[in-house]
Amino acid sequence: MQKKVLALHDLSGFGRSSLVPIIAVLSAAGHQCVPLPTAVFSTHTAIPHWAVTDLTDAMEGTINQYDALGLRFEAVYAGFLASAAQIDRVREAAVRLRAEGGLTVIDPVMGDNGEVYETYTPEMCTRMRELCAIADIITPNTTEAAILLGRDPAGKPQSDDEAWEWMRALQQTYGAEIVLTGLDFETGKVGTGCLGHAGGGLTLHRRIDRYYPGTGDLFAATMLGALMNGVSLPNACTRAGEFVKDCIAYTAEQGTDPMHGVQFEKLLGQIVK
C-alpha cells in the first residue's frame, strides 16, 4: 500500500524551497505527499521584498476535515512555521492524524549559518522545543541544534567527538532520533550525523563551494522518503547527502543565481531508482 505523508511547511512560489522540493522528492520516492501549507510566500525569505499570506486559520479547518474523513498518515512531517500559533496546529495534526506506528518528523527550521531567521521570534524558538519533544525524528542544522540546546547559535561542533556530544545531548533532551546537518569540521567536506535508537553514524561529503537556500528541505525529504521505503537511518542520511551534493554540483555547473535554488528536477531519477 502506498504510504502517505502529511507535509506541514510553507509554500514558497519561487526559489525551490519548502513544499516545492518536498512534494517532488517524496512523490519520486513513491509516496503520496499531502501538503498542508503553513503560509504562502512569493519567494523564499532570502530573496528581499517577499510577500506572505499566513494560513494558520486554514490549517485548523484542514486538520478537522482530514480527521472527519478518517485520513491517517504514515508520517507527519513539519518544517517552517509562520507563527507561534502554528505550533499548536502541528501538534494537533500529529496527535489526530498520524497512523498507528507512523512517524512524527520535525525539521525545526529557525535559522542557519549562526543566525536566527528574521521571521522567527524568541517565543517561536522557545516553543519549537515543544514540537521536538513529541517528535520521533528531529533534523536540525547546527544553528538550530544550538538553539534547541540553549547554546550560542554561532557555535557548532569542531570534531567527531563534539558532533557525537551534540547529538547525545539532543537525544537526551528530546528523546527523539537525531539527524544533525551542516557538519563542516573537516577541511573540504560537509555532512551529517545521525543518532538513532539502534545506533548512528557520521557521513561527510566533498564540499562544493556554493550556498543555495532550500537544501535542508531537499535533504530531509530525501531522507524521509528513504526511511519510509525501509532504509535504515544511517543509510537514508547517506543517500540524502549524496543526492543533495549531486544537485549542488549540477546547479553550480549551470551558473545560475544561487537564490534560485538547486536544480533538482533533472536528478529526480536518482530518487526513483
Protein backbone atom coordinates (compact mmCIF):
# COMPACT_ATOMS: atom_id res chain seq x y z
CA MET A 1 0.00 0.00 0.00
CA GLN A 2 1.29 3.45 -0.90
CA LYS A 3 2.27 5.47 2.16
CA LYS A 4 1.02 9.00 2.81
CA VAL A 5 2.97 11.95 4.23
CA LEU A 6 1.25 15.00 5.67
CA ALA A 7 3.70 17.84 4.98
CA LEU A 8 3.18 20.98 7.07
CA HIS A 9 5.53 23.53 5.51
CA ASP A 10 5.34 26.89 3.81
CA LEU A 11 4.81 27.13 0.05
CA SER A 12 7.38 29.47 -1.48
CA GLY A 13 6.50 30.13 -5.09
CA PHE A 14 9.97 30.92 -6.39
CA GLY A 15 13.33 29.71 -5.16
CA ARG A 16 12.98 25.93 -4.86
CA SER A 17 12.50 25.61 -1.11
CA SER A 18 9.96 24.14 1.30
CA LEU A 19 7.00 22.36 -0.30
CA VAL A 20 8.29 22.64 -3.88
CA PRO A 21 11.18 20.15 -3.48
CA ILE A 22 9.44 18.24 -0.69
CA ILE A 23 6.44 17.27 -2.82
CA ALA A 24 8.68 16.36 -5.76
CA VAL A 25 11.10 14.22 -3.78
CA LEU A 26 8.51 12.32 -1.74
CA SER A 27 6.49 11.66 -4.88
CA ALA A 28 9.60 10.38 -6.68
CA ALA A 29 10.20 8.06 -3.71
CA GLY A 30 6.78 6.54 -4.34
CA HIS A 31 4.82 8.14 -1.53
CA GLN A 32 1.73 10.34 -1.60
CA CYS A 33 2.67 13.78 -0.29
CA VAL A 34 -0.31 15.71 1.03
CA PRO A 35 0.68 19.37 1.53
CA LEU A 36 -0.79 21.38 4.38
CA PRO A 37 0.71 24.84 3.79
CA THR A 38 1.52 26.94 6.83
CA ALA A 39 1.91 30.08 4.72
CA VAL A 40 2.28 31.11 1.10
CA PHE A 41 5.36 33.18 0.27
CA SER A 42 6.05 34.81 -3.08
CA THR A 43 9.68 33.68 -2.75
CA HIS A 44 11.76 32.13 0.00
CA THR A 45 12.76 34.67 2.63
CA ALA A 46 16.38 35.01 1.49
CA ILE A 47 15.08 36.97 -1.52
CA PRO A 48 14.18 40.53 -0.44
CA HIS A 49 10.70 42.08 -0.51
CA TRP A 50 8.78 38.82 -0.31
CA ALA A 51 5.02 38.81 0.22
CA VAL A 52 3.33 36.36 2.59
CA THR A 53 -0.13 35.08 3.47
CA ASP A 54 -0.45 33.37 6.85
CA LEU A 55 -2.62 30.23 6.75
CA THR A 56 -2.97 29.45 10.45
CA ASP A 57 -6.79 29.56 10.39
CA ALA A 58 -6.99 27.40 7.28
CA MET A 59 -4.74 24.79 8.88
CA GLU A 60 -7.26 24.08 11.63
CA GLY A 61 -10.09 23.57 9.16
CA THR A 62 -7.95 21.23 7.06
CA ILE A 63 -6.98 19.12 10.07
CA ASN A 64 -10.63 18.87 11.10
CA GLN A 65 -11.71 17.75 7.63
CA TYR A 66 -8.96 15.14 7.32
CA ASP A 67 -9.83 13.77 10.76
CA ALA A 68 -13.53 13.58 9.84
CA LEU A 69 -12.62 11.73 6.64
CA GLY A 70 -10.65 9.22 8.69
CA LEU A 71 -7.39 10.02 6.89
CA ARG A 72 -4.30 8.78 8.66
CA PHE A 73 -0.72 9.38 7.58
CA GLU A 74 2.32 7.15 7.89
CA ALA A 75 4.37 10.31 8.51
CA VAL A 76 3.51 13.79 9.76
CA TYR A 77 6.39 15.99 8.66
CA ALA A 78 6.61 19.65 9.70
CA GLY A 79 9.12 22.38 8.92
CA PHE A 80 8.98 26.16 8.53
CA LEU A 81 6.18 27.76 10.56
CA ALA A 82 4.82 31.27 10.12
CA SER A 83 3.64 31.92 13.69
CA ALA A 84 3.76 30.55 17.23
CA ALA A 85 0.10 29.53 16.95
CA GLN A 86 1.02 27.08 14.20
CA ILE A 87 2.99 25.04 16.71
CA ASP A 88 -0.34 24.05 18.24
CA ARG A 89 -1.68 23.12 14.79
CA VAL A 90 1.30 20.87 14.11
CA ARG A 91 0.94 19.14 17.46
CA GLU A 92 -2.76 18.65 16.79
CA ALA A 93 -2.04 17.15 13.38
CA ALA A 94 0.49 14.73 14.86
CA VAL A 95 -1.90 13.60 17.59
CA ARG A 96 -5.04 13.30 15.46
CA LEU A 97 -3.80 12.32 12.01
CA ARG A 98 -0.71 10.17 12.41
CA ALA A 99 -1.31 6.49 11.67
CA GLU A 100 -0.58 3.90 14.30
CA GLY A 101 3.13 3.18 14.15
CA GLY A 102 3.72 6.25 11.98
CA LEU A 103 6.43 8.88 12.32
CA THR A 104 6.37 12.47 13.51
CA VAL A 105 9.29 14.24 11.86
CA ILE A 106 10.12 17.79 12.91
CA ASP A 107 12.56 19.90 10.98
CA PRO A 108 12.99 22.77 13.49
CA VAL A 109 13.53 25.47 10.86
CA MET A 110 14.71 28.51 12.84
CA GLY A 111 17.99 29.68 11.35
CA ASP A 112 21.20 28.90 9.51
CA ASN A 113 24.83 30.00 9.33
CA GLY A 114 24.81 31.02 13.00
CA GLU A 115 21.82 33.38 12.74
CA VAL A 116 18.10 33.11 13.52
CA TYR A 117 15.74 33.82 10.61
CA GLU A 118 14.15 37.26 10.77
CA THR A 119 10.63 35.78 10.80
CA TYR A 120 11.33 33.72 13.95
CA THR A 121 10.57 35.40 17.27
CA PRO A 122 12.11 34.34 20.59
CA GLU A 123 8.70 32.85 21.50
CA MET A 124 8.71 30.70 18.37
CA CYS A 125 12.23 29.49 19.04
CA THR A 126 11.29 28.57 22.60
CA ARG A 127 8.08 26.83 21.61
CA MET A 128 9.78 24.87 18.84
CA ARG A 129 11.22 22.81 21.66
CA GLU A 130 7.67 21.65 22.45
CA LEU A 131 7.36 20.14 18.98
CA CYS A 132 10.74 18.48 19.19
CA ALA A 133 9.63 16.84 22.43
CA ILE A 134 6.80 14.97 20.63
CA ALA A 135 8.87 14.05 17.56
CA ASP A 136 10.18 10.65 16.58
CA ILE A 137 12.91 12.28 14.47
CA ILE A 138 14.30 15.82 14.50
CA THR A 139 16.55 17.20 11.76
CA PRO A 140 18.23 20.44 12.96
CA ASN A 141 21.21 22.05 11.32
CA THR A 142 23.97 23.13 13.70
CA THR A 143 22.45 26.60 14.22
CA GLU A 144 19.08 25.11 15.14
CA ALA A 145 20.68 22.44 17.30
CA ALA A 146 22.46 25.15 19.28
CA ILE A 147 19.15 26.98 19.82
CA LEU A 148 17.46 23.76 20.95
CA LEU A 149 20.28 23.13 23.42
CA GLY A 150 20.37 26.71 24.71
CA ARG A 151 23.81 27.30 23.24
CA ASP A 152 25.28 30.11 21.15
CA PRO A 153 23.69 29.85 17.65
CA ALA A 154 27.03 30.78 16.12
CA GLY A 155 28.71 27.76 17.72
CA LYS A 156 29.00 24.37 16.05
CA PRO A 157 30.80 21.05 16.57
CA GLN A 158 34.51 21.21 15.75
CA SER A 159 35.28 17.48 15.68
CA ASP A 160 33.76 14.00 15.50
CA ASP A 161 33.66 13.82 19.30
CA GLU A 162 31.85 17.16 19.58
CA ALA A 163 29.32 16.12 16.94
CA TRP A 164 28.50 12.99 18.94
CA GLU A 165 28.25 15.06 22.13
CA TRP A 166 25.75 17.41 20.47
CA MET A 167 23.65 14.52 19.18
CA ARG A 168 23.65 12.73 22.53
CA ALA A 169 22.62 15.97 24.26
CA LEU A 170 19.76 16.46 21.78
CA GLN A 171 18.58 12.88 22.19
CA GLN A 172 18.74 13.08 25.97
CA THR A 173 16.79 16.34 25.96
CA TYR A 174 14.11 15.45 23.41
CA GLY A 175 14.01 11.65 23.30
CA ALA A 176 13.95 11.59 19.51
CA GLU A 177 16.21 10.13 16.89
CA ILE A 178 18.61 12.85 15.80
CA VAL A 179 19.78 13.95 12.37
CA LEU A 180 22.29 16.80 12.65
CA THR A 181 23.12 18.57 9.38
CA GLY A 182 25.71 21.15 8.38
CA LEU A 183 28.76 19.49 9.94
CA ASP A 184 31.88 21.05 8.44
CA PHE A 185 34.74 20.46 10.85
CA GLU A 186 36.86 18.63 8.26
CA THR A 187 38.52 20.76 5.60
CA GLY A 188 36.88 20.44 2.20
CA LYS A 189 33.99 18.35 3.46
CA VAL A 190 30.47 18.84 4.80
CA GLY A 191 27.97 16.33 6.06
CA THR A 192 25.56 14.88 8.54
CA GLY A 193 25.47 12.94 11.75
CA CYS A 194 22.64 10.73 12.94
CA LEU A 195 21.88 9.03 16.23
CA GLY A 196 19.00 6.59 16.26
CA HIS A 197 17.78 4.20 18.92
CA ALA A 198 19.71 1.41 17.14
CA GLY A 199 22.90 3.38 16.55
CA GLY A 200 24.09 6.06 14.16
CA GLY A 201 26.98 7.43 12.19
CA LEU A 202 28.71 10.40 10.60
CA THR A 203 28.81 10.92 6.84
CA LEU A 204 30.91 13.64 5.22
CA HIS A 205 30.83 14.53 1.53
CA ARG A 206 33.01 16.65 -0.69
CA ARG A 207 32.16 20.31 -0.13
CA ILE A 208 31.09 22.27 -3.19
CA ASP A 209 31.78 25.94 -2.60
CA ARG A 210 28.23 27.17 -3.18
CA TYR A 211 25.34 28.08 -0.90
CA TYR A 212 21.77 27.51 -2.03
CA PRO A 213 18.63 28.03 0.09
CA GLY A 214 16.33 25.02 0.32
CA THR A 215 18.95 22.29 0.51
CA GLY A 216 17.85 21.43 4.05
CA ASP A 217 14.32 20.73 2.80
CA LEU A 218 15.73 18.66 -0.05
CA PHE A 219 17.87 16.63 2.35
CA ALA A 220 15.14 15.97 4.93
CA ALA A 221 12.55 14.97 2.32
CA THR A 222 15.01 12.60 0.63
CA MET A 223 15.94 11.05 3.97
CA LEU A 224 12.28 10.62 4.97
CA GLY A 225 11.37 9.11 1.62
CA ALA A 226 14.13 6.53 2.01
CA LEU A 227 13.18 5.74 5.61
CA MET A 228 9.60 5.07 4.57
CA ASN A 229 10.92 2.64 1.97
CA GLY A 230 12.64 0.60 4.69
CA VAL A 231 16.14 2.07 4.52
CA SER A 232 17.99 2.39 7.84
CA LEU A 233 18.52 5.85 9.31
CA PRO A 234 22.31 5.97 8.66
CA ASN A 235 21.87 4.77 5.07
CA ALA A 236 18.95 7.14 4.48
CA CYS A 237 21.13 10.05 5.63
CA THR A 238 23.99 8.94 3.39
CA ARG A 239 21.70 8.69 0.37
CA ALA A 240 20.16 12.07 1.10
CA GLY A 241 23.56 13.70 1.48
CA GLU A 242 24.78 12.26 -1.80
CA PHE A 243 21.65 13.43 -3.62
CA VAL A 244 21.96 16.98 -2.27
CA LYS A 245 25.67 17.04 -3.17
CA ASP A 246 24.86 15.94 -6.72
CA CYS A 247 22.15 18.58 -7.03
CA ILE A 248 24.51 21.30 -5.81
CA ALA A 249 27.25 20.16 -8.19
CA TYR A 250 24.87 20.10 -11.16
CA THR A 251 23.47 23.53 -10.34
CA ALA A 252 26.93 25.03 -9.87
CA GLU A 253 27.80 23.85 -13.38
CA GLN A 254 24.79 25.74 -14.76
CA GLY A 255 25.97 29.01 -13.21
CA THR A 256 22.51 30.16 -12.14
CA ASP A 257 21.79 32.67 -9.37
CA PRO A 258 22.19 30.83 -6.04
CA MET A 259 18.99 32.45 -4.74
CA HIS A 260 17.07 30.49 -7.39
CA GLY A 261 17.85 27.29 -5.50
CA VAL A 262 19.24 23.96 -6.66
CA GLN A 263 18.12 22.42 -9.93
CA PHE A 264 16.99 19.10 -8.52
CA GLU A 265 14.39 18.40 -11.19
CA LYS A 266 16.63 16.59 -13.70
CA LEU A 267 18.16 14.46 -10.94
CA LEU A 268 14.91 13.07 -9.51
CA GLY A 269 15.59 9.84 -11.37
CA GLN A 270 18.12 9.05 -8.64
CA ILE A 271 15.29 9.06 -6.11
CA VAL A 272 13.10 6.85 -8.28
CA LYS A 273 15.93 4.29 -8.57
